[in-house]
PDB file of N, CA and C in Angstrom:
ATOM      1  N   MET A   1       4.256 -12.936  -2.613  1.00  0.00           N
ATOM      2  CA  MET A   1       3.527 -13.152  -1.366  1.00  0.00           C
ATOM      3  C   MET A   1       4.011 -12.042  -0.360  1.00  0.00           C
ATOM      4  N   THR A   2       3.094 -11.498   0.325  1.00  0.00           N
ATOM      5  CA  THR A   2       3.394 -10.532   1.274  1.00  0.00           C
ATOM      6  C   THR A   2       2.945 -11.043   2.757  1.00  0.00           C
ATOM      7  N   LEU A   3       3.805 -10.918   3.646  1.00  0.00           N
ATOM      8  CA  LEU A   3       3.433 -11.361   4.980  1.00  0.00           C
ATOM      9  C   LEU A   3       2.694 -10.294   5.746  1.00  0.00           C
ATOM     10  N   VAL A   4       1.840 -10.704   6.691  1.00  0.00           N
ATOM     11  CA  VAL A   4       1.115  -9.794   7.511  1.00  0.00           C
ATOM     12  C   VAL A   4       1.657  -9.771   8.952  1.00  0.00           C
ATOM     13  N   GLY A   5       1.830  -8.680   9.529  1.00  0.00           N
ATOM     14  CA  GLY A   5       2.283  -8.619  10.884  1.00  0.00           C
ATOM     15  C   GLY A   5       3.611  -7.912  10.979  1.00  0.00           C
ATOM     16  N   ALA A   6       4.506  -8.419  11.829  1.00  0.00           N
ATOM     17  CA  ALA A   6       5.773  -7.784  12.083  1.00  0.00           C
ATOM     18  C   ALA A   6       6.820  -8.538  11.217  1.00  0.00           C
ATOM     19  N   GLY A   7       7.901  -7.803  10.972  1.00  0.00           N
ATOM     20  CA  GLY A   7       9.072  -8.366  10.229  1.00  0.00           C
ATOM     21  C   GLY A   7       9.274  -7.652   8.943  1.00  0.00           C
ATOM     22  N   GLU A   8      10.440  -7.992   8.376  1.00  0.00           N
ATOM     23  CA  GLU A   8      10.890  -7.329   7.150  1.00  0.00           C
ATOM     24  C   GLU A   8       9.920  -7.697   6.049  1.00  0.00           C
ATOM     25  N   GLU A   9       9.549  -6.627   5.270  1.00  0.00           N
ATOM     26  CA  GLU A   9       8.637  -6.804   4.144  1.00  0.00           C
ATOM     27  C   GLU A   9       7.245  -7.076   4.481  1.00  0.00           C
ATOM     28  N   ALA A  10       6.888  -7.101   5.745  1.00  0.00           N
ATOM     29  CA  ALA A  10       5.464  -7.432   6.125  1.00  0.00           C
ATOM     30  C   ALA A  10       4.692  -6.166   6.105  1.00  0.00           C
ATOM     31  N   ILE A  11       3.372  -6.290   5.923  1.00  0.00           N
ATOM     32  CA  ILE A  11       2.477  -5.191   6.046  1.00  0.00           C
ATOM     33  C   ILE A  11       1.713  -5.233   7.332  1.00  0.00           C
ATOM     34  N   SER A  12       1.269  -4.035   7.747  1.00  0.00           N
ATOM     35  CA  SER A  12       0.572  -4.038   9.148  1.00  0.00           C
ATOM     36  C   SER A  12      -0.798  -4.637   8.953  1.00  0.00           C
ATOM     37  N   PHE A  13      -1.349  -5.017  10.115  1.00  0.00           N
ATOM     38  CA  PHE A  13      -2.655  -5.552  10.140  1.00  0.00           C
ATOM     39  C   PHE A  13      -3.707  -4.589   9.576  1.00  0.00           C
ATOM     40  N   ASP A  14      -3.504  -3.314   9.970  1.00  0.00           N
ATOM     41  CA  ASP A  14      -4.461  -2.300   9.464  1.00  0.00           C
ATOM     42  C   ASP A  14      -4.422  -2.138   7.944  1.00  0.00           C
ATOM     43  N   GLU A  15      -3.199  -2.202   7.395  1.00  0.00           N
ATOM     44  CA  GLU A  15      -3.106  -2.132   5.896  1.00  0.00           C
ATOM     45  C   GLU A  15      -3.686  -3.374   5.307  1.00  0.00           C
ATOM     46  N   TYR A  16      -3.495  -4.496   5.900  1.00  0.00           N
ATOM     47  CA  TYR A  16      -4.083  -5.729   5.390  1.00  0.00           C
ATOM     48  C   TYR A  16      -5.614  -5.717   5.471  1.00  0.00           C
ATOM     49  N   ARG A  17      -6.141  -5.159   6.472  1.00  0.00           N
ATOM     50  CA  ARG A  17      -7.615  -5.147   6.578  1.00  0.00           C
ATOM     51  C   ARG A  17      -8.270  -4.253   5.515  1.00  0.00           C
ATOM     52  N   ALA A  18      -7.433  -3.327   4.991  1.00  0.00           N
ATOM     53  CA  ALA A  18      -8.010  -2.477   3.920  1.00  0.00           C
ATOM     54  C   ALA A  18      -8.322  -3.313   2.643  1.00  0.00           C
ATOM     55  N   GLY A  19      -7.632  -4.453   2.474  1.00  0.00           N
ATOM     56  CA  GLY A  19      -7.950  -5.322   1.335  1.00  0.00           C
ATOM     57  C   GLY A  19      -8.693  -6.586   1.836  1.00  0.00           C
ATOM     58  N   GLN A  20      -8.818  -6.875   3.113  1.00  0.00           N
ATOM     59  CA  GLN A  20      -9.510  -8.039   3.625  1.00  0.00           C
ATOM     60  C   GLN A  20     -10.337  -7.489   4.801  1.00  0.00           C
ATOM     61  N   PRO A  21     -11.575  -7.031   4.436  1.00  0.00           N
ATOM     62  CA  PRO A  21     -12.406  -6.382   5.496  1.00  0.00           C
ATOM     63  C   PRO A  21     -12.731  -7.206   6.706  1.00  0.00           C
ATOM     64  N   PHE A  22     -12.607  -8.551   6.605  1.00  0.00           N
ATOM     65  CA  PHE A  22     -13.010  -9.430   7.730  1.00  0.00           C
ATOM     66  C   PHE A  22     -11.781  -9.717   8.582  1.00  0.00           C
ATOM     67  N   GLY A  23     -10.610  -9.269   8.138  1.00  0.00           N
ATOM     68  CA  GLY A  23      -9.337  -9.601   8.835  1.00  0.00           C
ATOM     69  C   GLY A  23      -8.875 -11.071   8.779  1.00  0.00           C
ATOM     70  N   GLN A  24      -9.460 -11.747   7.890  1.00  0.00           N
ATOM     71  CA  GLN A  24      -9.084 -13.214   7.795  1.00  0.00           C
ATOM     72  C   GLN A  24      -7.786 -13.293   6.993  1.00  0.00           C
ATOM     73  N   VAL A  25      -7.217 -14.487   7.001  1.00  0.00           N
ATOM     74  CA  VAL A  25      -5.952 -14.779   6.370  1.00  0.00           C
ATOM     75  C   VAL A  25      -5.983 -14.658   4.847  1.00  0.00           C
ATOM     76  N   THR A  26      -6.971 -15.162   4.186  1.00  0.00           N
ATOM     77  CA  THR A  26      -6.959 -15.312   2.801  1.00  0.00           C
ATOM     78  C   THR A  26      -7.340 -14.034   2.025  1.00  0.00           C
ATOM     79  N   ALA A  27      -6.335 -13.490   1.298  1.00  0.00           N
ATOM     80  CA  ALA A  27      -6.536 -12.368   0.350  1.00  0.00           C
ATOM     81  C   ALA A  27      -5.535 -12.401  -0.668  1.00  0.00           C
ATOM     82  N   ILE A  28      -5.820 -11.815  -1.847  1.00  0.00           N
ATOM     83  CA  ILE A  28      -4.839 -11.810  -2.935  1.00  0.00           C
ATOM     84  C   ILE A  28      -4.941 -10.484  -3.742  1.00  0.00           C
ATOM     85  N   GLU A  29      -3.826 -10.043  -4.236  1.00  0.00           N
ATOM     86  CA  GLU A  29      -3.873  -8.907  -5.169  1.00  0.00           C
ATOM     87  C   GLU A  29      -3.198  -9.450  -6.417  1.00  0.00           C
ATOM     88  N   ASP A  30      -3.870  -9.253  -7.509  1.00  0.00           N
ATOM     89  CA  ASP A  30      -3.390  -9.632  -8.829  1.00  0.00           C
ATOM     90  C   ASP A  30      -3.538  -8.422  -9.713  1.00  0.00           C
ATOM     91  N   GLY A  31      -2.447  -7.644  -9.801  1.00  0.00           N
ATOM     92  CA  GLY A  31      -2.485  -6.368 -10.571  1.00  0.00           C
ATOM     93  C   GLY A  31      -3.403  -5.461  -9.763  1.00  0.00           C
ATOM     94  N   GLU A  32      -4.423  -4.921 -10.458  1.00  0.00           N
ATOM     95  CA  GLU A  32      -5.370  -3.996  -9.777  1.00  0.00           C
ATOM     96  C   GLU A  32      -6.488  -4.738  -9.071  1.00  0.00           C
ATOM     97  N   LEU A  33      -6.616  -6.087  -9.323  1.00  0.00           N
ATOM     98  CA  LEU A  33      -7.674  -6.876  -8.735  1.00  0.00           C
ATOM     99  C   LEU A  33      -7.334  -7.278  -7.298  1.00  0.00           C
ATOM    100  N   ARG A  34      -8.267  -7.035  -6.396  1.00  0.00           N
ATOM    101  CA  ARG A  34      -8.090  -7.461  -4.992  1.00  0.00           C
ATOM    102  C   ARG A  34      -9.272  -8.389  -4.652  1.00  0.00           C
ATOM    103  N   LEU A  35      -8.902  -9.597  -4.235  1.00  0.00           N
ATOM    104  CA  LEU A  35      -9.983 -10.549  -3.809  1.00  0.00           C
ATOM    105  C   LEU A  35      -9.668 -10.994  -2.324  1.00  0.00           C
ATOM    106  N   PHE A  36     -10.753 -11.245  -1.572  1.00  0.00           N
ATOM    107  CA  PHE A  36     -10.513 -11.615  -0.182  1.00  0.00           C
ATOM    108  C   PHE A  36     -11.321 -12.812   0.240  1.00  0.00           C
ATOM    109  N   GLU A  37     -12.064 -13.434  -0.652  1.00  0.00           N
ATOM    110  CA  GLU A  37     -12.830 -14.648  -0.292  1.00  0.00           C
ATOM    111  C   GLU A  37     -12.175 -15.893  -0.901  1.00  0.00           C
ATOM    112  N   SER A  38     -11.922 -16.926  -0.163  1.00  0.00           N
ATOM    113  CA  SER A  38     -11.213 -18.094  -0.659  1.00  0.00           C
ATOM    114  C   SER A  38     -11.819 -18.680  -1.881  1.00  0.00           C
ATOM    115  N   ASP A  39     -13.123 -18.799  -1.945  1.00  0.00           N
ATOM    116  CA  ASP A  39     -13.824 -19.304  -3.173  1.00  0.00           C
ATOM    117  C   ASP A  39     -13.502 -18.498  -4.364  1.00  0.00           C
ATOM    118  N   ALA A  40     -13.537 -17.215  -4.240  1.00  0.00           N
ATOM    119  CA  ALA A  40     -13.274 -16.335  -5.347  1.00  0.00           C
ATOM    120  C   ALA A  40     -11.790 -16.386  -5.767  1.00  0.00           C
ATOM    121  N   ILE A  41     -10.909 -16.457  -4.776  1.00  0.00           N
ATOM    122  CA  ILE A  41      -9.545 -16.666  -5.106  1.00  0.00           C
ATOM    123  C   ILE A  41      -9.235 -17.901  -5.896  1.00  0.00           C
ATOM    124  N   VAL A  42      -9.821 -19.075  -5.373  1.00  0.00           N
ATOM    125  CA  VAL A  42      -9.589 -20.303  -6.044  1.00  0.00           C
ATOM    126  C   VAL A  42     -10.113 -20.263  -7.497  1.00  0.00           C
ATOM    127  N   LEU A  43     -11.288 -19.769  -7.658  1.00  0.00           N
ATOM    128  CA  LEU A  43     -11.932 -19.722  -9.041  1.00  0.00           C
ATOM    129  C   LEU A  43     -11.029 -18.795  -9.930  1.00  0.00           C
ATOM    130  N   HIS A  44     -10.584 -17.693  -9.374  1.00  0.00           N
ATOM    131  CA  HIS A  44      -9.679 -16.784 -10.102  1.00  0.00           C
ATOM    132  C   HIS A  44      -8.458 -17.451 -10.581  1.00  0.00           C
ATOM    133  N   VAL A  45      -7.802 -18.234  -9.671  1.00  0.00           N
ATOM    134  CA  VAL A  45      -6.571 -18.988 -10.065  1.00  0.00           C
ATOM    135  C   VAL A  45      -6.883 -20.067 -11.141  1.00  0.00           C
ATOM    136  N   VAL A  46      -8.000 -20.711 -10.949  1.00  0.00           N
ATOM    137  CA  VAL A  46      -8.326 -21.732 -11.936  1.00  0.00           C
ATOM    138  C   VAL A  46      -8.546 -21.082 -13.304  1.00  0.00           C
ATOM    139  N   GLU A  47      -9.238 -20.011 -13.358  1.00  0.00           N
ATOM    140  CA  GLU A  47      -9.447 -19.336 -14.687  1.00  0.00           C
ATOM    141  C   GLU A  47      -8.208 -18.805 -15.312  1.00  0.00           C
ATOM    142  N   ARG A  48      -7.122 -18.512 -14.490  1.00  0.00           N
ATOM    143  CA  ARG A  48      -5.922 -17.975 -15.109  1.00  0.00           C
ATOM    144  C   ARG A  48      -4.991 -19.041 -15.523  1.00  0.00           C
ATOM    145  N   ARG A  49      -5.134 -20.249 -15.146  1.00  0.00           N
ATOM    146  CA  ARG A  49      -4.197 -21.336 -15.441  1.00  0.00           C
ATOM    147  C   ARG A  49      -4.943 -22.315 -16.386  1.00  0.00           C
ATOM    148  N   ALA A  50      -4.368 -22.448 -17.607  1.00  0.00           N
ATOM    149  CA  ALA A  50      -4.982 -23.326 -18.607  1.00  0.00           C
ATOM    150  C   ALA A  50      -4.969 -24.809 -18.116  1.00  0.00           C
ATOM    151  N   ALA A  51      -3.900 -25.141 -17.371  1.00  0.00           N
ATOM    152  CA  ALA A  51      -3.876 -26.547 -16.869  1.00  0.00           C
ATOM    153  C   ALA A  51      -4.977 -26.870 -15.887  1.00  0.00           C
ATOM    154  N   LEU A  52      -5.511 -25.868 -15.330  1.00  0.00           N
ATOM    155  CA  LEU A  52      -6.622 -26.031 -14.282  1.00  0.00           C
ATOM    156  C   LEU A  52      -8.012 -25.920 -14.903  1.00  0.00           C
ATOM    157  N   ARG A  53      -8.155 -25.598 -16.155  1.00  0.00           N
ATOM    158  CA  ARG A  53      -9.481 -25.458 -16.743  1.00  0.00           C
ATOM    159  C   ARG A  53      -9.577 -26.192 -18.076  1.00  0.00           C
ATOM    160  N   PRO A  54      -9.762 -27.575 -17.934  1.00  0.00           N
ATOM    161  CA  PRO A  54      -9.901 -28.395 -19.099  1.00  0.00           C
ATOM    162  C   PRO A  54     -11.034 -28.034 -20.015  1.00  0.00           C
ATOM    163  N   ARG A  55     -10.923 -28.276 -21.264  1.00  0.00           N
ATOM    164  CA  ARG A  55     -11.995 -27.967 -22.169  1.00  0.00           C
ATOM    165  C   ARG A  55     -13.158 -28.912 -22.095  1.00  0.00           C
ATOM    166  N   ASP A  56     -12.817 -30.231 -21.763  1.00  0.00           N
ATOM    167  CA  ASP A  56     -13.925 -31.198 -21.570  1.00  0.00           C
ATOM    168  C   ASP A  56     -14.746 -30.845 -20.395  1.00  0.00           C
ATOM    169  N   PRO A  57     -16.076 -30.797 -20.613  1.00  0.00           N
ATOM    170  CA  PRO A  57     -16.941 -30.402 -19.497  1.00  0.00           C
ATOM    171  C   PRO A  57     -16.874 -31.319 -18.240  1.00  0.00           C
ATOM    172  N   ALA A  58     -16.713 -32.621 -18.509  1.00  0.00           N
ATOM    173  CA  ALA A  58     -16.654 -33.496 -17.299  1.00  0.00           C
ATOM    174  C   ALA A  58     -15.375 -33.301 -16.533  1.00  0.00           C
ATOM    175  N   GLU A  59     -14.266 -33.074 -17.285  1.00  0.00           N
ATOM    176  CA  GLU A  59     -13.028 -32.815 -16.622  1.00  0.00           C
ATOM    177  C   GLU A  59     -13.005 -31.437 -15.876  1.00  0.00           C
ATOM    178  N   ARG A  60     -13.655 -30.509 -16.472  1.00  0.00           N
ATOM    179  CA  ARG A  60     -13.765 -29.187 -15.885  1.00  0.00           C
ATOM    180  C   ARG A  60     -14.605 -29.314 -14.588  1.00  0.00           C
ATOM    181  N   ALA A  61     -15.690 -30.084 -14.646  1.00  0.00           N
ATOM    182  CA  ALA A  61     -16.548 -30.285 -13.513  1.00  0.00           C
ATOM    183  C   ALA A  61     -15.716 -30.921 -12.285  1.00  0.00           C
ATOM    184  N   CYS A  62     -14.763 -31.795 -12.688  1.00  0.00           N
ATOM    185  CA  CYS A  62     -13.912 -32.454 -11.653  1.00  0.00           C
ATOM    186  C   CYS A  62     -12.966 -31.424 -10.981  1.00  0.00           C
ATOM    187  N   VAL A  63     -12.521 -30.450 -11.839  1.00  0.00           N
ATOM    188  CA  VAL A  63     -11.618 -29.405 -11.298  1.00  0.00           C
ATOM    189  C   VAL A  63     -12.478 -28.591 -10.280  1.00  0.00           C
ATOM    190  N   VAL A  64     -13.679 -28.198 -10.701  1.00  0.00           N
ATOM    191  CA  VAL A  64     -14.536 -27.387  -9.828  1.00  0.00           C
ATOM    192  C   VAL A  64     -14.877 -28.203  -8.518  1.00  0.00           C
ATOM    193  N   GLN A  65     -15.131 -29.501  -8.684  1.00  0.00           N
ATOM    194  CA  GLN A  65     -15.434 -30.358  -7.537  1.00  0.00           C
ATOM    195  C   GLN A  65     -14.258 -30.361  -6.597  1.00  0.00           C
ATOM    196  N   TRP A  66     -13.076 -30.539  -7.037  1.00  0.00           N
ATOM    197  CA  TRP A  66     -11.914 -30.572  -6.102  1.00  0.00           C
ATOM    198  C   TRP A  66     -11.507 -29.205  -5.615  1.00  0.00           C
ATOM    199  N   SER A  67     -11.847 -28.192  -6.367  1.00  0.00           N
ATOM    200  CA  SER A  67     -11.669 -26.800  -5.793  1.00  0.00           C
ATOM    201  C   SER A  67     -12.559 -26.619  -4.585  1.00  0.00           C
ATOM    202  N   PHE A  68     -13.747 -26.938  -4.695  1.00  0.00           N
ATOM    203  CA  PHE A  68     -14.708 -26.804  -3.542  1.00  0.00           C
ATOM    204  C   PHE A  68     -14.384 -27.756  -2.407  1.00  0.00           C
ATOM    205  N   ALA A  69     -13.875 -28.980  -2.783  1.00  0.00           N
ATOM    206  CA  ALA A  69     -13.473 -29.908  -1.763  1.00  0.00           C
ATOM    207  C   ALA A  69     -12.336 -29.315  -0.954  1.00  0.00           C
ATOM    208  N   ALA A  70     -11.406 -28.711  -1.678  1.00  0.00           N
ATOM    209  CA  ALA A  70     -10.196 -28.079  -1.028  1.00  0.00           C
ATOM    210  C   ALA A  70     -10.714 -26.996  -0.069  1.00  0.00           C
ATOM    211  N   LEU A  71     -11.619 -26.133  -0.478  1.00  0.00           N
ATOM    212  CA  LEU A  71     -12.170 -25.030   0.336  1.00  0.00           C
ATOM    213  C   LEU A  71     -12.926 -25.614   1.559  1.00  0.00           C
ATOM    214  N   ASP A  72     -13.752 -26.545   1.317  1.00  0.00           N
ATOM    215  CA  ASP A  72     -14.679 -27.000   2.411  1.00  0.00           C
ATOM    216  C   ASP A  72     -14.027 -27.989   3.383  1.00  0.00           C
ATOM    217  N   THR A  73     -13.037 -28.781   2.871  1.00  0.00           N
ATOM    218  CA  THR A  73     -12.462 -29.816   3.700  1.00  0.00           C
ATOM    219  C   THR A  73     -11.071 -29.519   4.152  1.00  0.00           C
ATOM    220  N   ILE A  74     -10.245 -29.009   3.304  1.00  0.00           N
ATOM    221  CA  ILE A  74      -8.893 -28.780   3.632  1.00  0.00           C
ATOM    222  C   ILE A  74      -8.609 -27.360   4.161  1.00  0.00           C
ATOM    223  N   GLU A  75      -9.261 -26.390   3.731  1.00  0.00           N
ATOM    224  CA  GLU A  75      -8.971 -25.039   4.195  1.00  0.00           C
ATOM    225  C   GLU A  75      -9.205 -24.847   5.690  1.00  0.00           C
ATOM    226  N   PRO A  76     -10.312 -25.354   6.305  1.00  0.00           N
ATOM    227  CA  PRO A  76     -10.524 -25.063   7.738  1.00  0.00           C
ATOM    228  C   PRO A  76      -9.297 -25.447   8.651  1.00  0.00           C
ATOM    229  N   PRO A  77      -8.749 -26.646   8.472  1.00  0.00           N
ATOM    230  CA  PRO A  77      -7.660 -26.998   9.405  1.00  0.00           C
ATOM    231  C   PRO A  77      -6.340 -26.149   8.995  1.00  0.00           C
ATOM    232  N   ILE A  78      -6.251 -25.801   7.710  1.00  0.00           N
ATOM    233  CA  ILE A  78      -5.082 -25.025   7.290  1.00  0.00           C
ATOM    234  C   ILE A  78      -5.151 -23.636   7.895  1.00  0.00           C
ATOM    235  N   GLN A  79      -6.414 -23.116   7.930  1.00  0.00           N
ATOM    236  CA  GLN A  79      -6.605 -21.848   8.551  1.00  0.00           C
ATOM    237  C   GLN A  79      -6.252 -21.817  10.095  1.00  0.00           C
ATOM    238  N   LYS A  80      -6.544 -22.944  10.711  1.00  0.00           N
ATOM    239  CA  LYS A  80      -6.256 -23.031  12.156  1.00  0.00           C
ATOM    240  C   LYS A  80      -4.705 -22.989  12.339  1.00  0.00           C
ATOM    241  N   LEU A  81      -4.033 -23.687  11.432  1.00  0.00           N
ATOM    242  CA  LEU A  81      -2.560 -23.697  11.475  1.00  0.00           C
ATOM    243  C   LEU A  81      -2.044 -22.279  11.203  1.00  0.00           C
ATOM    244  N   ALA A  82      -2.663 -21.585  10.265  1.00  0.00           N
ATOM    245  CA  ALA A  82      -2.157 -20.229   9.881  1.00  0.00           C
ATOM    246  C   ALA A  82      -2.439 -19.291  11.093  1.00  0.00           C
ATOM    247  N   ALA A  83      -3.552 -19.496  11.814  1.00  0.00           N
ATOM    248  CA  ALA A  83      -3.838 -18.661  12.969  1.00  0.00           C
ATOM    249  C   ALA A  83      -2.826 -18.885  13.989  1.00  0.00           C
ATOM    250  N   ILE A  84      -2.470 -20.075  14.272  1.00  0.00           N
ATOM    251  CA  ILE A  84      -1.425 -20.425  15.211  1.00  0.00           C
ATOM    252  C   ILE A  84      -0.126 -19.721  14.828  1.00  0.00           C
ATOM    253  N   ASP A  85       0.252 -19.863  13.557  1.00  0.00           N
ATOM    254  CA  ASP A  85       1.501 -19.277  13.032  1.00  0.00           C
ATOM    255  C   ASP A  85       1.470 -17.691  13.108  1.00  0.00           C
ATOM    256  N   LEU A  86       0.359 -17.111  12.726  1.00  0.00           N
ATOM    257  CA  LEU A  86       0.304 -15.669  12.653  1.00  0.00           C
ATOM    258  C   LEU A  86       0.011 -14.997  14.038  1.00  0.00           C
ATOM    259  N   PHE A  87      -0.700 -15.616  14.936  1.00  0.00           N
ATOM    260  CA  PHE A  87      -1.187 -14.906  16.051  1.00  0.00           C
ATOM    261  C   PHE A  87      -0.728 -15.445  17.466  1.00  0.00           C
ATOM    262  N   HIS A  88      -0.170 -16.686  17.445  1.00  0.00           N
ATOM    263  CA  HIS A  88       0.053 -17.297  18.836  1.00  0.00           C
ATOM    264  C   HIS A  88       1.497 -17.840  18.934  1.00  0.00           C
ATOM    265  N   VAL A  89       2.228 -18.060  17.878  1.00  0.00           N
ATOM    266  CA  VAL A  89       3.459 -18.766  17.994  1.00  0.00           C
ATOM    267  C   VAL A  89       4.463 -17.883  18.843  1.00  0.00           C
ATOM    268  N   ALA A  90       4.542 -16.640  18.643  1.00  0.00           N
ATOM    269  CA  ALA A  90       5.481 -15.800  19.364  1.00  0.00           C
ATOM    270  C   ALA A  90       5.255 -15.855  20.858  1.00  0.00           C
ATOM    271  N   ASP A  91       4.020 -15.971  21.252  1.00  0.00           N
ATOM    272  CA  ASP A  91       3.635 -15.977  22.652  1.00  0.00           C
ATOM    273  C   ASP A  91       3.715 -17.348  23.323  1.00  0.00           C
ATOM    274  N   GLN A  92       3.719 -18.378  22.515  1.00  0.00           N
ATOM    275  CA  GLN A  92       3.658 -19.791  23.045  1.00  0.00           C
ATOM    276  C   GLN A  92       4.783 -20.618  22.503  1.00  0.00           C
ATOM    277  N   PRO A  93       5.905 -20.782  23.194  1.00  0.00           N
ATOM    278  CA  PRO A  93       7.062 -21.584  22.683  1.00  0.00           C
ATOM    279  C   PRO A  93       6.627 -23.041  22.316  1.00  0.00           C
ATOM    280  N   ALA A  94       5.692 -23.601  23.042  1.00  0.00           N
ATOM    281  CA  ALA A  94       5.289 -24.879  22.734  1.00  0.00           C
ATOM    282  C   ALA A  94       4.574 -25.042  21.317  1.00  0.00           C
ATOM    283  N   LEU A  95       3.873 -23.931  21.042  1.00  0.00           N
ATOM    284  CA  LEU A  95       3.235 -23.847  19.621  1.00  0.00           C
ATOM    285  C   LEU A  95       4.353 -23.773  18.547  1.00  0.00           C
ATOM    286  N   ALA A  96       5.323 -22.927  18.861  1.00  0.00           N
ATOM    287  CA  ALA A  96       6.412 -22.821  17.905  1.00  0.00           C
ATOM    288  C   ALA A  96       7.083 -24.188  17.644  1.00  0.00           C
ATOM    289  N   ASP A  97       7.303 -24.936  18.701  1.00  0.00           N
ATOM    290  CA  ASP A  97       7.876 -26.277  18.594  1.00  0.00           C
ATOM    291  C   ASP A  97       6.967 -27.244  17.772  1.00  0.00           C
ATOM    292  N   TYR A  98       5.664 -27.141  18.053  1.00  0.00           N
ATOM    293  CA  TYR A  98       4.752 -27.980  17.320  1.00  0.00           C
ATOM    294  C   TYR A  98       4.633 -27.630  15.879  1.00  0.00           C
ATOM    295  N   LEU A  99       4.609 -26.322  15.520  1.00  0.00           N
ATOM    296  CA  LEU A  99       4.639 -25.915  14.171  1.00  0.00           C
ATOM    297  C   LEU A  99       5.915 -26.352  13.416  1.00  0.00           C
ATOM    298  N   GLN A 100       7.019 -26.210  14.060  1.00  0.00           N
ATOM    299  CA  GLN A 100       8.288 -26.614  13.499  1.00  0.00           C
ATOM    300  C   GLN A 100       8.232 -28.149  13.197  1.00  0.00           C
ATOM    301  N   ARG A 101       7.770 -28.904  14.175  1.00  0.00           N
ATOM    302  CA  ARG A 101       7.588 -30.370  13.913  1.00  0.00           C
ATOM    303  C   ARG A 101       6.704 -30.703  12.738  1.00  0.00           C
ATOM    304  N   CYS A 102       5.550 -30.044  12.649  1.00  0.00           N
ATOM    305  CA  CYS A 102       4.617 -30.306  11.531  1.00  0.00           C
ATOM    306  C   CYS A 102       5.286 -29.968  10.240  1.00  0.00           C
ATOM    307  N   GLU A 103       5.896 -28.797  10.106  1.00  0.00           N
ATOM    308  CA  GLU A 103       6.528 -28.324   8.831  1.00  0.00           C
ATOM    309  C   GLU A 103       7.752 -29.185   8.505  1.00  0.00           C
ATOM    310  N   ALA A 104       8.387 -29.859   9.484  1.00  0.00           N
ATOM    311  CA  ALA A 104       9.558 -30.680   9.213  1.00  0.00           C
ATOM    312  C   ALA A 104       9.212 -32.072   8.710  1.00  0.00           C
ATOM    313  N   ARG A 105       7.902 -32.438   8.791  1.00  0.00           N
ATOM    314  CA  ARG A 105       7.573 -33.841   8.418  1.00  0.00           C
ATOM    315  C   ARG A 105       7.750 -33.991   6.915  1.00  0.00           C
ATOM    316  N   PRO A 106       8.379 -35.082   6.464  1.00  0.00           N
ATOM    317  CA  PRO A 106       8.655 -35.358   5.088  1.00  0.00           C
ATOM    318  C   PRO A 106       7.378 -35.318   4.219  1.00  0.00           C
ATOM    319  N   ALA A 107       6.303 -35.848   4.733  1.00  0.00           N
ATOM    320  CA  ALA A 107       5.027 -35.850   3.980  1.00  0.00           C
ATOM    321  C   ALA A 107       4.513 -34.425   3.756  1.00  0.00           C
ATOM    322  N   PHE A 108       4.668 -33.577   4.742  1.00  0.00           N
ATOM    323  CA  PHE A 108       4.243 -32.174   4.580  1.00  0.00           C
ATOM    324  C   PHE A 108       5.133 -31.489   3.556  1.00  0.00           C
ATOM    325  N   ARG A 109       6.501 -31.647   3.620  1.00  0.00           N
ATOM    326  CA  ARG A 109       7.418 -31.030   2.714  1.00  0.00           C
ATOM    327  C   ARG A 109       7.155 -31.478   1.262  1.00  0.00           C
ATOM    328  N   LYS A 110       6.894 -32.733   1.126  1.00  0.00           N
ATOM    329  CA  LYS A 110       6.622 -33.270  -0.276  1.00  0.00           C
ATOM    330  C   LYS A 110       5.301 -32.693  -0.794  1.00  0.00           C
ATOM    331  N   ALA A 111       4.305 -32.723   0.011  1.00  0.00           N
ATOM    332  CA  ALA A 111       2.923 -32.254  -0.441  1.00  0.00           C
ATOM    333  C   ALA A 111       3.076 -30.732  -0.724  1.00  0.00           C
ATOM    334  N   LEU A 112       3.788 -29.970   0.029  1.00  0.00           N
ATOM    335  CA  LEU A 112       3.899 -28.587  -0.218  1.00  0.00           C
ATOM    336  C   LEU A 112       4.662 -28.363  -1.491  1.00  0.00           C
ATOM    337  N   ALA A 113       5.784 -29.036  -1.646  1.00  0.00           N
ATOM    338  CA  ALA A 113       6.661 -28.863  -2.860  1.00  0.00           C
ATOM    339  C   ALA A 113       5.876 -29.284  -4.073  1.00  0.00           C
ATOM    340  N   ASP A 114       5.076 -30.378  -4.043  1.00  0.00           N
ATOM    341  CA  ASP A 114       4.254 -30.851  -5.179  1.00  0.00           C
ATOM    342  C   ASP A 114       3.220 -29.768  -5.500  1.00  0.00           C
ATOM    343  N   ARG A 115       2.569 -29.210  -4.456  1.00  0.00           N
ATOM    344  CA  ARG A 115       1.575 -28.245  -4.758  1.00  0.00           C
ATOM    345  C   ARG A 115       2.188 -26.932  -5.219  1.00  0.00           C
ATOM    346  N   MET A 116       3.272 -26.468  -4.774  1.00  0.00           N
ATOM    347  CA  MET A 116       3.822 -25.233  -5.249  1.00  0.00           C
ATOM    348  C   MET A 116       4.338 -25.461  -6.703  1.00  0.00           C
ATOM    349  N   ALA A 117       4.814 -26.640  -7.046  1.00  0.00           N
ATOM    350  CA  ALA A 117       5.331 -26.880  -8.377  1.00  0.00           C
ATOM    351  C   ALA A 117       4.230 -26.646  -9.418  1.00  0.00           C
ATOM    352  N   SER A 118       3.053 -26.929  -9.132  1.00  0.00           N
ATOM    353  CA  SER A 118       1.994 -26.751 -10.087  1.00  0.00           C
ATOM    354  C   SER A 118       1.726 -25.268 -10.393  1.00  0.00           C
ATOM    355  N   PHE A 119       2.119 -24.358  -9.481  1.00  0.00           N
ATOM    356  CA  PHE A 119       1.927 -22.981  -9.742  1.00  0.00           C
ATOM    357  C   PHE A 119       2.982 -22.304 -10.591  1.00  0.00           C
ATOM    358  N   VAL A 120       4.141 -22.869 -10.624  1.00  0.00           N
ATOM    359  CA  VAL A 120       5.220 -22.353 -11.410  1.00  0.00           C
ATOM    360  C   VAL A 120       5.333 -23.071 -12.774  1.00  0.00           C
ATOM    361  N   ALA A 121       4.669 -24.122 -12.925  1.00  0.00           N
ATOM    362  CA  ALA A 121       4.710 -24.841 -14.259  1.00  0.00           C
ATOM    363  C   ALA A 121       3.990 -24.064 -15.302  1.00  0.00           C
TER     364      ALA A 121
END
């Protein structure tokens, strides 16, 4: 993972926009492949992970269903949080405190840990 903005190991916004022409948060590089659209990224990840693409057509349809649900229902509020984190926290101490409280919640930590575990399995 590469951070965008200021800081150690971060890339500049201009460099990021070379791979994400709309300047949005979501983009990925996988070897020579560069993707910038959330739907394309999710489908790419699904195709690369055997655990996410069952052979049974009904089970595979459920994976696709939940992939789109994640994009259409969960992604918009996550992007709002990312925008706060990337573009406003440094300027607004109250936002920094809010973000810290959100990320400190046990439910958030568990959900994040559970989600990340599926990528390393």
